[in-house]
Protein backbone atom coordinates (compact mmCIF):
# COMPACT_ATOMS: atom_id res chain seq x y z
CA MET A 1 118.47 102.93 99.08
CA SER A 2 115.45 104.66 100.66
CA TRP A 3 115.42 106.33 104.07
CA PHE A 4 113.10 103.58 105.28
CA SER A 5 115.43 100.85 104.07
CA ARG A 6 118.34 102.52 105.90
CA PHE A 7 116.20 102.82 109.04
CA LEU A 8 115.28 99.12 108.93
CA SER A 9 118.93 98.20 108.32
CA TYR A 10 119.94 100.22 111.36
CA LEU A 11 117.34 98.47 113.53
CA ARG A 12 118.38 95.07 112.17
CA SER A 13 122.08 95.77 112.84
CA HIS A 14 121.25 96.64 116.45
CA ALA A 15 118.94 93.63 116.94
CA HIS A 16 115.83 95.80 117.23
CA LEU A 17 113.90 95.09 114.04
CA GLN A 18 111.48 92.98 116.09
CA ASP A 19 110.60 96.12 118.09
CA ILE A 20 108.45 97.41 115.23
CA ASN A 21 104.91 96.30 116.00
CA VAL A 22 103.02 98.48 113.49
CA MET A 23 103.82 100.69 110.49
CA THR A 24 101.63 103.80 110.43
CA PHE A 25 101.68 106.40 107.71
CA GLU A 26 99.88 109.44 106.35
CA HIS A 27 98.35 109.43 102.89
CA TYR A 28 97.55 112.66 101.05
CA PRO A 29 97.89 111.54 97.45
CA PHE A 30 96.93 114.52 95.31
CA ASP A 31 97.85 118.14 94.67
CA PRO A 32 94.82 120.20 95.79
CA CYS A 33 95.34 122.68 92.94
CA ASN A 34 95.14 119.99 90.26
CA LEU A 35 92.33 117.69 91.38
CA ASP A 36 90.20 115.96 88.82
CA TRP A 37 87.57 113.23 89.04
CA SER A 38 89.85 111.00 86.97
CA ASN A 39 92.31 110.96 89.92
CA LEU A 40 89.89 108.55 91.54
CA TYR A 41 91.12 105.78 89.25
CA ASP A 42 94.78 106.23 90.26
CA GLU A 43 94.27 105.80 93.99
CA PRO A 44 94.30 101.98 94.28
CA GLN A 45 97.61 101.80 92.41
CA LEU A 46 99.11 104.53 94.60
CA VAL A 47 98.23 102.74 97.85
CA ARG A 48 99.32 99.37 96.47
CA GLY A 49 102.64 100.83 95.33
CA ILE A 50 103.34 102.51 98.67
CA MET A 51 102.63 99.39 100.70
CA GLU A 52 104.57 97.09 98.37
CA THR A 53 107.56 99.45 98.40
CA TRP A 54 107.80 99.34 102.18
CA ARG A 55 107.65 95.55 102.14
CA ARG A 56 110.42 95.47 99.48
CA ASP A 57 112.43 97.88 101.63
CA GLY A 58 112.41 95.23 104.34
CA LEU A 59 109.35 95.79 106.52
CA PRO A 60 108.69 92.33 107.98
CA ARG A 61 105.56 90.59 106.67
CA ASN A 62 104.21 90.16 110.19
CA VAL A 63 104.18 93.92 110.85
CA PRO A 64 100.73 95.39 110.15
CA MET A 65 100.42 98.64 108.20
CA GLU A 66 97.84 101.30 108.98
CA ILE A 67 96.96 104.50 107.17
CA THR A 68 96.38 106.64 110.25
CA GLU A 69 95.85 109.97 108.58
CA SER A 70 94.41 110.48 105.14
CA ASN A 71 92.47 112.78 102.90
CA LEU A 72 92.21 113.50 99.21
CA ALA A 73 94.94 116.14 99.39
CA PHE A 74 96.88 118.01 102.03
CA ASP A 75 94.60 121.05 101.68
CA THR A 76 91.04 120.43 100.57
CA ALA A 77 87.92 122.51 100.77
CA THR A 78 84.31 121.56 101.29
CA GLU A 79 83.67 121.22 97.56
CA TYR A 80 86.01 118.22 97.49
CA ALA A 81 84.26 116.28 100.27
CA THR A 82 82.33 114.05 97.83
CA LEU A 83 85.42 113.28 95.73
CA CYS A 84 87.37 112.54 98.91
CA ARG A 85 84.76 110.00 100.01
CA LEU A 86 84.87 108.29 96.62
CA VAL A 87 88.66 108.10 96.65
CA ALA A 88 88.61 106.66 100.18
CA ARG A 89 86.17 103.97 99.13
CA ARG A 90 88.43 103.09 96.20
CA PHE A 91 91.53 102.57 98.32
CA CYS A 92 90.19 101.37 101.67
CA GLY A 93 89.63 97.88 100.27
CA LEU A 94 93.30 97.66 99.33
CA VAL A 95 94.54 98.11 102.87
CA PRO A 96 93.70 94.54 103.99
CA GLN A 97 94.77 93.13 100.61
CA ARG A 98 98.25 94.53 101.26
CA ARG A 99 98.23 93.22 104.86
CA GLY A 100 97.33 96.59 106.27
CA THR A 101 95.12 96.56 109.32
CA GLY A 102 93.35 99.89 109.16
CA PHE A 103 93.15 103.47 108.08
CA VAL A 104 91.78 106.74 109.42
CA LEU A 105 90.02 109.14 107.08
CA LEU A 106 90.12 112.83 107.94
CA THR A 107 87.29 114.60 106.17
CA VAL A 108 85.59 117.92 105.83
CA GLY A 109 82.50 117.78 108.04
CA THR A 110 81.64 115.30 110.73
CA ALA A 111 82.33 111.60 110.95
CA ALA A 112 78.63 111.04 110.26
CA ASP A 113 79.14 112.63 106.82
CA VAL A 114 81.51 109.86 105.78
């Protein structure tokens, strides 16, 4: 049983599951020391798997999910900015498909660069 499943069970047992009005999470999918362009193809499956797992763990279907902090990896340099943008474009379309309501992309550079 996952930590999230135990957390939801606790809320349910105390009649507070309905208090969850949004599920936000960070998403830094790759190891910055082992990045490769081919990682781009794995990203949609990673996001899909994460969001489906939380639903299976018991997150109610009416609770929206939002990726509120994201980048290609937890520590990226300027040379990865282009790859990061490509990865974001691959997975951002999956957020609404999985009943997510939004995501925030943290990038190297300014918001205008994205």
